[in-house]
């Protein structure tokens, strides 16, 4: 498998997992609430990934 096919597989799995959650939040609350949850998750997980990358030496900044 190539890196691009693994990336695509991970994206599809994440959509399968997170799609129904965002749909439920949209139905129960509103679209803006679902977008706030999505952006919060992006900030948290993105921050964790940056922290881990910096800790491992992958980032020289």
N, C-alpha and C. Protein backbone atom coordinates (compact mmCIF):
# COMPACT_ATOMS: atom_id res chain seq x y z
N UNK A 1 0.85 -1.19 0.00
CA UNK A 1 0.00 0.00 0.00
C UNK A 1 0.89 1.24 0.00
N UNK A 2 0.43 2.23 -0.70
CA UNK A 2 1.18 3.48 -0.72
C UNK A 2 0.68 4.40 0.38
N UNK A 3 1.44 5.45 0.63
CA UNK A 3 1.07 6.43 1.65
C UNK A 3 -0.26 7.09 1.31
N UNK A 4 -0.47 7.38 0.03
CA UNK A 4 -1.72 8.05 -0.36
C UNK A 4 -2.93 7.16 -0.14
N UNK A 5 -2.79 5.86 -0.38
CA UNK A 5 -3.93 4.97 -0.17
C UNK A 5 -4.22 4.80 1.32
N UNK A 6 -3.18 4.79 2.15
CA UNK A 6 -3.39 4.71 3.60
C UNK A 6 -4.06 5.97 4.10
N UNK A 7 -3.63 7.14 3.59
CA UNK A 7 -4.24 8.42 3.97
C UNK A 7 -5.72 8.42 3.59
N UNK A 8 -6.03 7.95 2.39
CA UNK A 8 -7.41 7.89 1.94
C UNK A 8 -8.24 6.95 2.81
N UNK A 9 -7.68 5.81 3.17
CA UNK A 9 -8.37 4.86 4.03
C UNK A 9 -8.68 5.48 5.39
N UNK A 10 -7.70 6.17 5.97
CA UNK A 10 -7.91 6.81 7.27
C UNK A 10 -8.98 7.89 7.18
N UNK A 11 -8.97 8.68 6.10
CA UNK A 11 -10.00 9.71 5.93
C UNK A 11 -11.39 9.10 5.85
N UNK A 12 -11.53 8.02 5.12
CA UNK A 12 -12.85 7.38 4.99
C UNK A 12 -13.32 6.79 6.33
N UNK A 13 -12.40 6.20 7.06
CA UNK A 13 -12.77 5.65 8.37
C UNK A 13 -13.19 6.76 9.32
N UNK A 14 -12.45 7.87 9.32
CA UNK A 14 -12.81 9.00 10.18
C UNK A 14 -14.17 9.56 9.81
N UNK A 15 -14.48 9.63 8.51
CA UNK A 15 -15.80 10.11 8.09
C UNK A 15 -16.90 9.16 8.55
N UNK A 16 -16.64 7.86 8.46
CA UNK A 16 -17.63 6.87 8.91
C UNK A 16 -17.89 7.02 10.40
N UNK A 17 -16.86 7.30 11.17
CA UNK A 17 -17.00 7.44 12.62
C UNK A 17 -17.63 8.77 12.99
N UNK A 18 -17.12 9.87 12.42
CA UNK A 18 -17.53 11.20 12.86
C UNK A 18 -18.78 11.74 12.15
N UNK A 19 -19.08 11.25 10.96
CA UNK A 19 -20.24 11.73 10.21
C UNK A 19 -21.55 11.60 10.97
N UNK A 20 -21.88 10.44 11.49
CA UNK A 20 -23.13 10.31 12.26
C UNK A 20 -23.15 11.16 13.53
N UNK A 21 -22.00 11.34 14.15
CA UNK A 21 -21.96 12.18 15.36
C UNK A 21 -22.29 13.62 15.02
N UNK A 22 -21.68 14.14 13.94
CA UNK A 22 -21.98 15.51 13.52
C UNK A 22 -23.43 15.63 13.05
N UNK A 23 -23.94 14.61 12.40
CA UNK A 23 -25.34 14.63 11.98
C UNK A 23 -26.29 14.67 13.17
N UNK A 24 -25.98 13.90 14.21
CA UNK A 24 -26.82 13.91 15.40
C UNK A 24 -26.79 15.27 16.08
N UNK A 25 -25.59 15.86 16.18
CA UNK A 25 -25.48 17.18 16.80
C UNK A 25 -26.26 18.21 15.99
N UNK A 26 -26.18 18.12 14.67
CA UNK A 26 -26.92 19.04 13.81
C UNK A 26 -28.43 18.90 14.02
N UNK A 27 -28.92 17.67 14.11
CA UNK A 27 -30.35 17.45 14.32
C UNK A 27 -30.80 17.87 15.72
N UNK A 28 -29.98 17.58 16.71
CA UNK A 28 -30.37 17.85 18.09
C UNK A 28 -30.23 19.33 18.44
N UNK A 29 -29.21 19.99 17.90
CA UNK A 29 -28.94 21.38 18.27
C UNK A 29 -29.03 22.27 17.05
N UNK A 30 -27.93 22.46 16.36
CA UNK A 30 -27.91 23.27 15.14
C UNK A 30 -26.64 23.00 14.37
N UNK A 31 -26.61 23.48 13.13
CA UNK A 31 -25.42 23.30 12.30
C UNK A 31 -24.23 24.05 12.89
N UNK A 32 -24.48 25.22 13.45
CA UNK A 32 -23.37 25.98 14.03
C UNK A 32 -22.79 25.25 15.24
N UNK A 33 -23.62 24.57 16.00
CA UNK A 33 -23.10 23.78 17.13
C UNK A 33 -22.23 22.63 16.64
N UNK A 34 -22.65 21.97 15.58
CA UNK A 34 -21.87 20.87 15.01
C UNK A 34 -20.53 21.38 14.50
N UNK A 35 -20.53 22.55 13.87
CA UNK A 35 -19.28 23.13 13.38
C UNK A 35 -18.36 23.55 14.52
N UNK A 36 -18.94 24.01 15.62
CA UNK A 36 -18.13 24.37 16.79
C UNK A 36 -17.48 23.11 17.38
N UNK A 37 -18.22 22.03 17.45
CA UNK A 37 -17.67 20.77 17.96
C UNK A 37 -16.55 20.29 17.03
N UNK A 38 -16.78 20.36 15.72
CA UNK A 38 -15.77 19.92 14.76
C UNK A 38 -14.51 20.78 14.87
N UNK A 39 -14.67 22.08 15.00
CA UNK A 39 -13.49 22.94 15.10
C UNK A 39 -12.77 22.72 16.43
N UNK A 40 -13.51 22.47 17.50
CA UNK A 40 -12.88 22.17 18.78
C UNK A 40 -12.07 20.89 18.72
N UNK A 41 -12.62 19.88 18.06
CA UNK A 41 -11.89 18.62 17.92
C UNK A 41 -10.64 18.81 17.07
N UNK A 42 -10.74 19.62 16.03
CA UNK A 42 -9.59 19.89 15.18
C UNK A 42 -8.49 20.59 15.97
N UNK A 43 -8.86 21.55 16.79
CA UNK A 43 -7.87 22.28 17.59
C UNK A 43 -7.21 21.34 18.60
N UNK A 44 -8.00 20.55 19.29
CA UNK A 44 -7.46 19.65 20.32
C UNK A 44 -6.55 18.59 19.70
N UNK A 45 -7.05 17.87 18.70
CA UNK A 45 -6.26 16.79 18.11
C UNK A 45 -5.09 17.33 17.31
N UNK A 46 -5.26 18.46 16.64
CA UNK A 46 -4.15 19.08 15.92
C UNK A 46 -3.06 19.53 16.88
N UNK A 47 -3.47 20.10 18.01
CA UNK A 47 -2.50 20.50 19.02
C UNK A 47 -1.74 19.32 19.59
N UNK A 48 -2.45 18.22 19.83
CA UNK A 48 -1.79 17.01 20.33
C UNK A 48 -0.79 16.47 19.31
N UNK A 49 -1.17 16.48 18.05
CA UNK A 49 -0.27 15.98 17.01
C UNK A 49 0.96 16.87 16.89
N UNK A 50 0.79 18.18 16.96
CA UNK A 50 1.94 19.09 16.91
C UNK A 50 2.84 18.89 18.11
N UNK A 51 2.25 18.71 19.28
CA UNK A 51 3.02 18.48 20.49
C UNK A 51 3.86 17.21 20.37
N UNK A 52 3.23 16.14 19.91
CA UNK A 52 3.94 14.86 19.75
C UNK A 52 5.03 14.96 18.69
N UNK A 53 4.75 15.67 17.59
CA UNK A 53 5.74 15.81 16.53
C UNK A 53 6.94 16.62 17.03
N UNK A 54 6.67 17.64 17.79
CA UNK A 54 7.76 18.46 18.33
C UNK A 54 8.56 17.66 19.37
N UNK A 55 7.87 16.87 20.17
CA UNK A 55 8.52 16.06 21.18
C UNK A 55 9.44 15.01 20.55
N UNK A 56 9.02 14.44 19.45
CA UNK A 56 9.80 13.39 18.81
C UNK A 56 10.95 13.95 17.96
N UNK A 57 10.97 15.25 17.76
CA UNK A 57 12.04 15.85 16.97
C UNK A 57 11.71 15.97 15.50
N UNK A 58 10.50 15.64 15.11
CA UNK A 58 10.11 15.75 13.70
C UNK A 58 10.00 17.21 13.28
N UNK A 59 9.73 18.10 14.22
CA UNK A 59 9.68 19.55 13.94
C UNK A 59 10.91 20.19 14.59
N UNK A 60 11.61 20.98 13.84
CA UNK A 60 12.81 21.61 14.39
C UNK A 60 12.54 23.02 14.90
N UNK A 61 11.30 23.43 14.91
CA UNK A 61 10.96 24.79 15.36
C UNK A 61 10.91 24.84 16.86
